Structure formats: structure tokens, C-alpha cells
Amino acid sequence: MAGTFTTRTITITTSATETLHDLTNACAAFLREAAHGHNGLLNIFTRHATSGLAIIETGAGSDDDLLAALRDVLPTDDRSQDRPRSPGHSIARMLPALVPPHATLPVVDGDLELGASQSVVLVNTDQANPERQVRLSFLS
């Protein structure tokens, strides 16, 4: 049997502050339509220079801890060699070096294979651009 490839782009509107947006339910909904109970891989990709994707536990303080750690590593002051279009924007462009813009996860029997406390999150630190596109692609 030949493999199949299905892809879709979703638009996420985050807040006007640094944020993590949980994509786990959107990934599960996409797989219900695309995977049909099959095994394969889900690739998630955001094509923005100021956002990334992470697999973390949410709701237990990890969200705020990740954002605080990123603020420590990527300060928004005037140290950047890049001249920003908006406050914090130039440093935000360094985010994908630490939080990659992609993730590939196993799909088993049509379900995303995550640990009990793991979630897929979009990390957006660019406060001036709250709208993000995320491409979900399933390959079986």
C-alpha cells in the first residue's frame, strides 16, 4: 500500500504578549480527519522567524517557566546588533535557534503519541505579530 500525505495550514491568533498556545487539540482534530486510524508521522511547522514549537507539560507552571527562561536568554533591551521594527522584535528573531519552528511526532493507530503530561505548543515572543500560521502534515 502506498503512503499518503495530507497537509493543512491553520491560523492561530495569540495575545499581544509573549505566549504559549496549546496546539494539541488542533493536532488531534487534524489526525482524526487525516490519519484514519493509521500509523505515521505528524510534522508541525510554523514559518515565522519569531515563533517556535515545543513539546512541554502545560498548566503546571512550565508555560511561565519557559517564557521566563527565554526572557533571560533573549533580553529585549538594546544589546541586539539587529535594529528592531518594534520592541523586542530583533531578539525574537533568535527564538527559532532555541525553540525550533518544527516538530515531527509519531502517530500510532491515528493518535498522536505523546506522554500523559505532554502538549504541543506554539511559542510566540513577538508581541507585535499575534497572528501565526502553523502547517500540520500527516505522512503514513
N, C-alpha and C. Protein backbone atom coordinates (compact mmCIF):
# COMPACT_ATOMS: atom_id res chain seq x y z
N MET A 1 0.83 -1.18 0.00
CA MET A 1 0.00 0.00 0.00
C MET A 1 0.88 1.25 0.00
N ALA A 2 0.58 2.16 -0.89
CA ALA A 2 1.34 3.41 -0.97
C ALA A 2 0.99 4.31 0.20
N GLY A 3 1.96 5.09 0.64
CA GLY A 3 1.72 6.02 1.74
C GLY A 3 0.86 7.19 1.29
N THR A 4 0.31 7.88 2.25
CA THR A 4 -0.48 9.06 1.94
C THR A 4 0.13 10.28 2.62
N PHE A 5 -0.15 11.44 2.06
CA PHE A 5 0.33 12.70 2.61
C PHE A 5 -0.83 13.67 2.61
N THR A 6 -1.15 14.22 3.78
CA THR A 6 -2.21 15.20 3.92
C THR A 6 -1.66 16.39 4.68
N THR A 7 -1.99 17.59 4.23
CA THR A 7 -1.47 18.78 4.89
C THR A 7 -2.54 19.86 4.97
N ARG A 8 -2.42 20.69 5.99
CA ARG A 8 -3.37 21.79 6.21
C ARG A 8 -2.65 22.89 6.99
N THR A 9 -3.00 24.12 6.68
CA THR A 9 -2.48 25.26 7.43
C THR A 9 -3.60 25.81 8.31
N ILE A 10 -3.28 26.03 9.57
CA ILE A 10 -4.23 26.63 10.49
C ILE A 10 -3.69 28.00 10.92
N THR A 11 -4.57 28.91 11.22
CA THR A 11 -4.18 30.23 11.69
C THR A 11 -4.47 30.31 13.18
N ILE A 12 -3.46 30.75 13.90
CA ILE A 12 -3.56 30.89 15.35
C ILE A 12 -3.43 32.38 15.68
N THR A 13 -4.35 32.90 16.45
CA THR A 13 -4.24 34.27 16.93
C THR A 13 -3.90 34.20 18.41
N THR A 14 -2.70 34.66 18.73
CA THR A 14 -2.25 34.67 20.12
C THR A 14 -2.55 36.04 20.71
N SER A 15 -2.20 36.22 21.95
CA SER A 15 -2.42 37.53 22.57
C SER A 15 -1.31 38.48 22.16
N ALA A 16 -1.42 39.71 22.58
CA ALA A 16 -0.42 40.73 22.26
C ALA A 16 0.74 40.69 23.24
N THR A 17 0.88 39.60 23.97
CA THR A 17 2.01 39.42 24.88
C THR A 17 2.72 38.13 24.50
N GLU A 18 3.89 37.93 25.06
CA GLU A 18 4.58 36.66 24.87
C GLU A 18 3.64 35.55 25.33
N THR A 19 3.57 34.49 24.55
CA THR A 19 2.59 33.48 24.90
C THR A 19 2.96 32.09 24.37
N LEU A 20 2.38 31.10 25.02
CA LEU A 20 2.38 29.73 24.52
C LEU A 20 0.94 29.41 24.18
N HIS A 21 0.73 28.86 23.01
CA HIS A 21 -0.62 28.49 22.57
C HIS A 21 -0.64 26.98 22.37
N ASP A 22 -1.50 26.28 23.09
CA ASP A 22 -1.58 24.82 23.03
C ASP A 22 -2.21 24.39 21.70
N LEU A 23 -1.47 23.59 20.94
CA LEU A 23 -1.92 23.10 19.65
C LEU A 23 -2.36 21.63 19.70
N THR A 24 -2.31 21.02 20.87
CA THR A 24 -2.56 19.58 20.98
C THR A 24 -3.93 19.20 20.44
N ASN A 25 -4.97 19.93 20.80
CA ASN A 25 -6.32 19.61 20.32
C ASN A 25 -6.44 19.81 18.82
N ALA A 26 -5.81 20.85 18.28
CA ALA A 26 -5.84 21.08 16.84
C ALA A 26 -5.13 19.95 16.10
N CYS A 27 -4.03 19.46 16.67
CA CYS A 27 -3.31 18.32 16.06
C CYS A 27 -4.18 17.07 16.08
N ALA A 28 -4.85 16.82 17.20
CA ALA A 28 -5.71 15.64 17.33
C ALA A 28 -6.88 15.71 16.35
N ALA A 29 -7.48 16.89 16.19
CA ALA A 29 -8.59 17.06 15.26
C ALA A 29 -8.14 16.81 13.83
N PHE A 30 -6.98 17.34 13.47
CA PHE A 30 -6.42 17.12 12.13
C PHE A 30 -6.19 15.63 11.89
N LEU A 31 -5.63 14.93 12.88
CA LEU A 31 -5.35 13.50 12.72
C LEU A 31 -6.62 12.67 12.60
N ARG A 32 -7.69 13.06 13.27
CA ARG A 32 -8.97 12.34 13.13
C ARG A 32 -9.42 12.36 11.67
N GLU A 33 -9.18 13.48 10.98
CA GLU A 33 -9.57 13.60 9.58
C GLU A 33 -8.54 12.99 8.62
N ALA A 34 -7.26 13.09 8.97
CA ALA A 34 -6.21 12.71 8.02
C ALA A 34 -5.65 11.31 8.20
N ALA A 35 -5.56 10.83 9.44
CA ALA A 35 -4.86 9.56 9.69
C ALA A 35 -5.74 8.33 9.52
N HIS A 36 -7.04 8.45 9.75
CA HIS A 36 -7.98 7.33 9.60
C HIS A 36 -7.51 6.07 10.32
N GLY A 37 -6.96 6.25 11.52
CA GLY A 37 -6.52 5.11 12.33
C GLY A 37 -5.19 4.51 11.94
N HIS A 38 -4.47 5.12 11.01
CA HIS A 38 -3.20 4.57 10.54
C HIS A 38 -2.02 5.09 11.36
N ASN A 39 -0.91 4.42 11.20
CA ASN A 39 0.36 4.85 11.79
C ASN A 39 1.07 5.79 10.83
N GLY A 40 1.88 6.68 11.37
CA GLY A 40 2.64 7.58 10.52
C GLY A 40 3.35 8.64 11.34
N LEU A 41 3.57 9.77 10.70
CA LEU A 41 4.27 10.89 11.34
C LEU A 41 3.47 12.17 11.14
N LEU A 42 3.39 12.96 12.19
CA LEU A 42 2.82 14.29 12.10
C LEU A 42 3.96 15.28 12.15
N ASN A 43 4.06 16.11 11.11
CA ASN A 43 5.03 17.19 11.12
C ASN A 43 4.27 18.48 11.35
N ILE A 44 4.79 19.30 12.24
CA ILE A 44 4.19 20.59 12.57
C ILE A 44 5.25 21.64 12.26
N PHE A 45 4.86 22.70 11.55
CA PHE A 45 5.83 23.71 11.13
C PHE A 45 5.19 25.09 11.19
N THR A 46 5.91 26.04 11.76
CA THR A 46 5.49 27.44 11.71
C THR A 46 6.54 28.20 10.92
N ARG A 47 6.09 28.96 9.96
CA ARG A 47 7.01 29.61 9.01
C ARG A 47 7.38 31.03 9.40
N HIS A 48 7.35 31.31 10.67
CA HIS A 48 7.64 32.66 11.15
C HIS A 48 9.01 32.70 11.83
N ALA A 49 9.73 33.78 11.60
CA ALA A 49 11.07 33.93 12.16
C ALA A 49 11.05 34.24 13.65
N THR A 50 9.88 34.46 14.21
CA THR A 50 9.80 34.85 15.62
C THR A 50 8.90 33.93 16.43
N SER A 51 8.73 32.69 15.98
CA SER A 51 7.96 31.73 16.75
C SER A 51 8.57 30.35 16.61
N GLY A 52 8.22 29.46 17.52
CA GLY A 52 8.75 28.11 17.51
C GLY A 52 7.72 27.15 18.08
N LEU A 53 8.08 25.88 18.10
CA LEU A 53 7.20 24.83 18.61
C LEU A 53 7.93 24.05 19.69
N ALA A 54 7.21 23.72 20.75
CA ALA A 54 7.81 22.98 21.86
C ALA A 54 6.84 21.88 22.30
N ILE A 55 7.40 20.83 22.87
CA ILE A 55 6.64 19.76 23.49
C ILE A 55 6.93 19.86 24.98
N ILE A 56 5.93 20.32 25.75
CA ILE A 56 6.15 20.52 27.19
C ILE A 56 4.87 20.17 27.95
N GLU A 57 5.01 20.09 29.25
CA GLU A 57 3.84 19.99 30.12
C GLU A 57 3.27 21.39 30.29
N THR A 58 1.96 21.51 30.14
CA THR A 58 1.33 22.82 30.32
C THR A 58 0.44 22.80 31.56
N GLY A 59 0.17 23.99 32.08
CA GLY A 59 -0.75 24.12 33.18
C GLY A 59 -0.17 23.90 34.56
N ALA A 60 1.08 23.52 34.65
CA ALA A 60 1.68 23.29 35.96
C ALA A 60 2.76 24.32 36.26
N GLY A 61 2.76 25.42 35.50
CA GLY A 61 3.77 26.45 35.69
C GLY A 61 4.88 26.40 34.66
N SER A 62 4.95 25.31 33.90
CA SER A 62 6.00 25.18 32.89
C SER A 62 5.88 26.24 31.81
N ASP A 63 4.65 26.66 31.51
CA ASP A 63 4.42 27.70 30.50
C ASP A 63 5.19 28.96 30.88
N ASP A 64 4.94 29.44 32.09
CA ASP A 64 5.60 30.66 32.55
C ASP A 64 7.10 30.46 32.72
N ASP A 65 7.50 29.26 33.15
CA ASP A 65 8.94 28.98 33.31
C ASP A 65 9.67 29.06 31.98
N LEU A 66 9.06 28.52 30.92
CA LEU A 66 9.69 28.57 29.60
C LEU A 66 9.81 30.01 29.12
N LEU A 67 8.75 30.79 29.26
CA LEU A 67 8.81 32.19 28.83
C LEU A 67 9.84 32.98 29.65
N ALA A 68 9.93 32.71 30.95
CA ALA A 68 10.92 33.39 31.79
C ALA A 68 12.34 33.01 31.37
N ALA A 69 12.56 31.75 31.07
CA ALA A 69 13.89 31.31 30.62
C ALA A 69 14.25 31.97 29.30
N LEU A 70 13.29 32.07 28.40
CA LEU A 70 13.55 32.73 27.11
C LEU A 70 13.85 34.21 27.31
N ARG A 71 13.16 34.86 28.23
CA ARG A 71 13.45 36.28 28.53
C ARG A 71 14.87 36.44 29.05
N ASP A 72 15.34 35.47 29.86
CA ASP A 72 16.70 35.54 30.39
C ASP A 72 17.74 35.39 29.28
N VAL A 73 17.47 34.50 28.35
CA VAL A 73 18.43 34.22 27.27
C VAL A 73 18.31 35.24 26.14
N LEU A 74 17.11 35.72 25.89
CA LEU A 74 16.84 36.64 24.79
C LEU A 74 16.26 37.95 25.32
N PRO A 75 17.06 38.76 26.00
CA PRO A 75 16.54 40.00 26.57
C PRO A 75 16.09 40.98 25.48
N THR A 76 15.13 41.82 25.81
CA THR A 76 14.57 42.75 24.83
C THR A 76 15.18 44.15 24.92
N ASP A 77 16.31 44.28 25.57
CA ASP A 77 16.94 45.60 25.66
C ASP A 77 17.69 45.90 24.35
N ASP A 78 18.54 46.92 24.34
CA ASP A 78 19.17 47.36 23.10
C ASP A 78 20.51 46.67 22.80
N ARG A 79 20.76 45.49 23.35
CA ARG A 79 22.01 44.77 23.07
C ARG A 79 22.11 44.22 21.66
N SER A 80 20.98 44.02 21.02
CA SER A 80 20.95 43.36 19.72
C SER A 80 21.69 44.16 18.66
N GLN A 81 22.40 43.46 17.77
CA GLN A 81 23.04 44.08 16.62
C GLN A 81 22.01 44.43 15.55
N ASP A 82 20.90 43.71 15.58
CA ASP A 82 19.81 43.90 14.64
C ASP A 82 18.95 45.06 15.12
N ARG A 83 18.59 45.97 14.26
CA ARG A 83 17.75 47.09 14.65
C ARG A 83 16.29 46.68 14.52
N PRO A 84 15.56 46.69 15.62
CA PRO A 84 14.19 46.17 15.61
C PRO A 84 13.19 47.08 14.94
N ARG A 85 12.14 46.43 14.39
CA ARG A 85 10.98 47.18 13.87
C ARG A 85 10.05 47.54 15.01
N SER A 86 10.08 46.75 16.07
CA SER A 86 9.25 47.00 17.24
C SER A 86 10.00 46.48 18.46
N PRO A 87 9.66 46.91 19.67
CA PRO A 87 10.39 46.48 20.87
C PRO A 87 10.43 44.96 20.99
N GLY A 88 11.65 44.44 21.16
CA GLY A 88 11.83 43.00 21.36
C GLY A 88 11.83 42.19 20.09
N HIS A 89 11.53 42.81 18.95
CA HIS A 89 11.39 42.05 17.70
C HIS A 89 12.71 41.44 17.24
N SER A 90 13.81 42.18 17.32
CA SER A 90 15.07 41.65 16.81
C SER A 90 15.53 40.44 17.60
N ILE A 91 15.41 40.49 18.92
CA ILE A 91 15.78 39.35 19.74
C ILE A 91 14.82 38.19 19.51
N ALA A 92 13.55 38.49 19.27
CA ALA A 92 12.57 37.44 18.99
C ALA A 92 12.96 36.63 17.77
N ARG A 93 13.69 37.24 16.84
CA ARG A 93 14.13 36.51 15.65
C ARG A 93 15.17 35.44 15.98
N MET A 94 15.72 35.48 17.17
CA MET A 94 16.68 34.45 17.60
C MET A 94 15.96 33.24 18.20
N LEU A 95 14.68 33.36 18.49
CA LEU A 95 13.92 32.28 19.13
C LEU A 95 14.06 30.93 18.43
N PRO A 96 13.92 30.84 17.08
CA PRO A 96 13.98 29.53 16.44
C PRO A 96 15.32 28.80 16.62
N ALA A 97 16.37 29.51 17.01
CA ALA A 97 17.63 28.84 17.30
C ALA A 97 17.54 28.02 18.59
N LEU A 98 16.62 28.43 19.48
CA LEU A 98 16.45 27.75 20.77
C LEU A 98 15.19 26.89 20.81
N VAL A 99 14.13 27.37 20.20
CA VAL A 99 12.85 26.66 20.13
C VAL A 99 12.56 26.51 18.64
N PRO A 100 12.83 25.34 18.07
CA PRO A 100 12.76 25.19 16.61
C PRO A 100 11.36 25.43 16.06
N PRO A 101 11.28 25.82 14.79
CA PRO A 101 9.98 26.09 14.16
C PRO A 101 9.28 24.82 13.66
N HIS A 102 9.78 23.66 14.05
CA HIS A 102 9.21 22.41 13.56
C HIS A 102 9.29 21.32 14.62
N ALA A 103 8.41 20.34 14.48
CA ALA A 103 8.45 19.14 15.31
C ALA A 103 7.85 18.01 14.49
N THR A 104 8.40 16.82 14.63
CA THR A 104 7.85 15.63 13.98
C THR A 104 7.58 14.61 15.07
N LEU A 105 6.32 14.15 15.12
CA LEU A 105 5.88 13.27 16.20
C LEU A 105 5.25 12.00 15.64
N PRO A 106 5.40 10.88 16.35
CA PRO A 106 4.79 9.64 15.88
C PRO A 106 3.27 9.65 16.05
N VAL A 107 2.61 8.99 15.12
CA VAL A 107 1.17 8.79 15.17
C VAL A 107 0.96 7.28 15.17
N VAL A 108 0.28 6.77 16.20
CA VAL A 108 0.04 5.33 16.34
C VAL A 108 -1.47 5.10 16.35
N ASP A 109 -1.91 4.28 15.42
CA ASP A 109 -3.34 3.98 15.28
C ASP A 109 -4.18 5.25 15.18
N GLY A 110 -3.64 6.26 14.51
CA GLY A 110 -4.36 7.50 14.27
C GLY A 110 -4.27 8.54 15.37
N ASP A 111 -3.60 8.19 16.47
CA ASP A 111 -3.49 9.11 17.61
C ASP A 111 -2.06 9.62 17.78
N LEU A 112 -1.96 10.88 18.15
CA LEU A 112 -0.67 11.48 18.44
C LEU A 112 -0.05 10.78 19.64
N GLU A 113 1.18 10.35 19.51
CA GLU A 113 1.87 9.61 20.56
C GLU A 113 2.61 10.62 21.46
N LEU A 114 1.91 11.07 22.50
CA LEU A 114 2.50 11.98 23.48
C LEU A 114 2.45 11.33 24.85
N GLY A 115 3.34 11.76 25.74
CA GLY A 115 3.28 11.33 27.12
C GLY A 115 2.05 11.91 27.80
N ALA A 116 1.69 11.38 28.94
CA ALA A 116 0.47 11.77 29.65
C ALA A 116 0.41 13.27 29.93
N SER A 117 1.54 13.91 30.17
CA SER A 117 1.54 15.33 30.52
C SER A 117 2.10 16.21 29.42
N GLN A 118 2.36 15.66 28.26
CA GLN A 118 2.96 16.44 27.19
C GLN A 118 1.90 17.12 26.32
N SER A 119 2.23 18.33 25.88
CA SER A 119 1.40 19.09 24.95
C SER A 119 2.28 19.67 23.87
N VAL A 120 1.69 19.92 22.72
CA VAL A 120 2.37 20.60 21.62
C VAL A 120 1.98 22.07 21.71
N VAL A 121 2.97 22.96 21.81
CA VAL A 121 2.66 24.38 21.96
C VAL A 121 3.41 25.22 20.93
N LEU A 122 2.73 26.27 20.49
CA LEU A 122 3.34 27.31 19.68
C LEU A 122 3.89 28.35 20.65
N VAL A 123 5.14 28.70 20.50
CA VAL A 123 5.78 29.72 21.34
C VAL A 123 5.91 30.97 20.49
N ASN A 124 5.27 32.05 20.93
CA ASN A 124 5.33 33.30 20.18
C ASN A 124 5.81 34.40 21.13
N THR A 125 6.98 34.96 20.83
CA THR A 125 7.52 36.04 21.67
C THR A 125 7.44 37.39 20.98
N ASP A 126 6.95 37.43 19.76
CA ASP A 126 6.84 38.68 19.02
C ASP A 126 5.49 39.32 19.31
N GLN A 127 5.50 40.28 20.20
CA GLN A 127 4.26 40.90 20.67
C GLN A 127 3.56 41.72 19.59
N ALA A 128 4.28 42.15 18.57
CA ALA A 128 3.68 42.98 17.52
C ALA A 128 2.96 42.15 16.46
N ASN A 129 3.17 40.84 16.47
CA ASN A 129 2.59 39.98 15.43
C ASN A 129 1.89 38.79 16.06
N PRO A 130 0.66 38.95 16.53
CA PRO A 130 -0.02 37.85 17.22
C PRO A 130 -0.64 36.80 16.31
N GLU A 131 -0.71 37.03 14.99
CA GLU A 131 -1.30 36.03 14.10
C GLU A 131 -0.21 35.17 13.49
N ARG A 132 -0.36 33.86 13.64
CA ARG A 132 0.64 32.89 13.17
C ARG A 132 -0.03 31.80 12.35
N GLN A 133 0.68 31.30 11.35
CA GLN A 133 0.21 30.15 10.59
C GLN A 133 1.04 28.95 11.00
N VAL A 134 0.36 27.82 11.16
CA VAL A 134 1.02 26.56 11.51
C VAL A 134 0.57 25.52 10.50
N ARG A 135 1.53 24.85 9.88
CA ARG A 135 1.21 23.79 8.91
C ARG A 135 1.28 22.45 9.62
N LEU A 136 0.21 21.67 9.48
CA LEU A 136 0.15 20.31 10.00
C LEU A 136 0.20 19.37 8.81
N SER A 137 1.10 18.39 8.83
CA SER A 137 1.24 17.45 7.72
C SER A 137 1.33 16.04 8.26
N PHE A 138 0.50 15.15 7.72
CA PHE A 138 0.50 13.74 8.13
C PHE A 138 1.01 12.89 6.99
N LEU A 139 1.97 12.05 7.29
CA LEU A 139 2.52 11.12 6.33
C LEU A 139 2.38 9.71 6.88
N SER A 140 1.73 8.84 6.10
CA SER A 140 1.61 7.44 6.54
C SER A 140 2.30 6.53 5.55
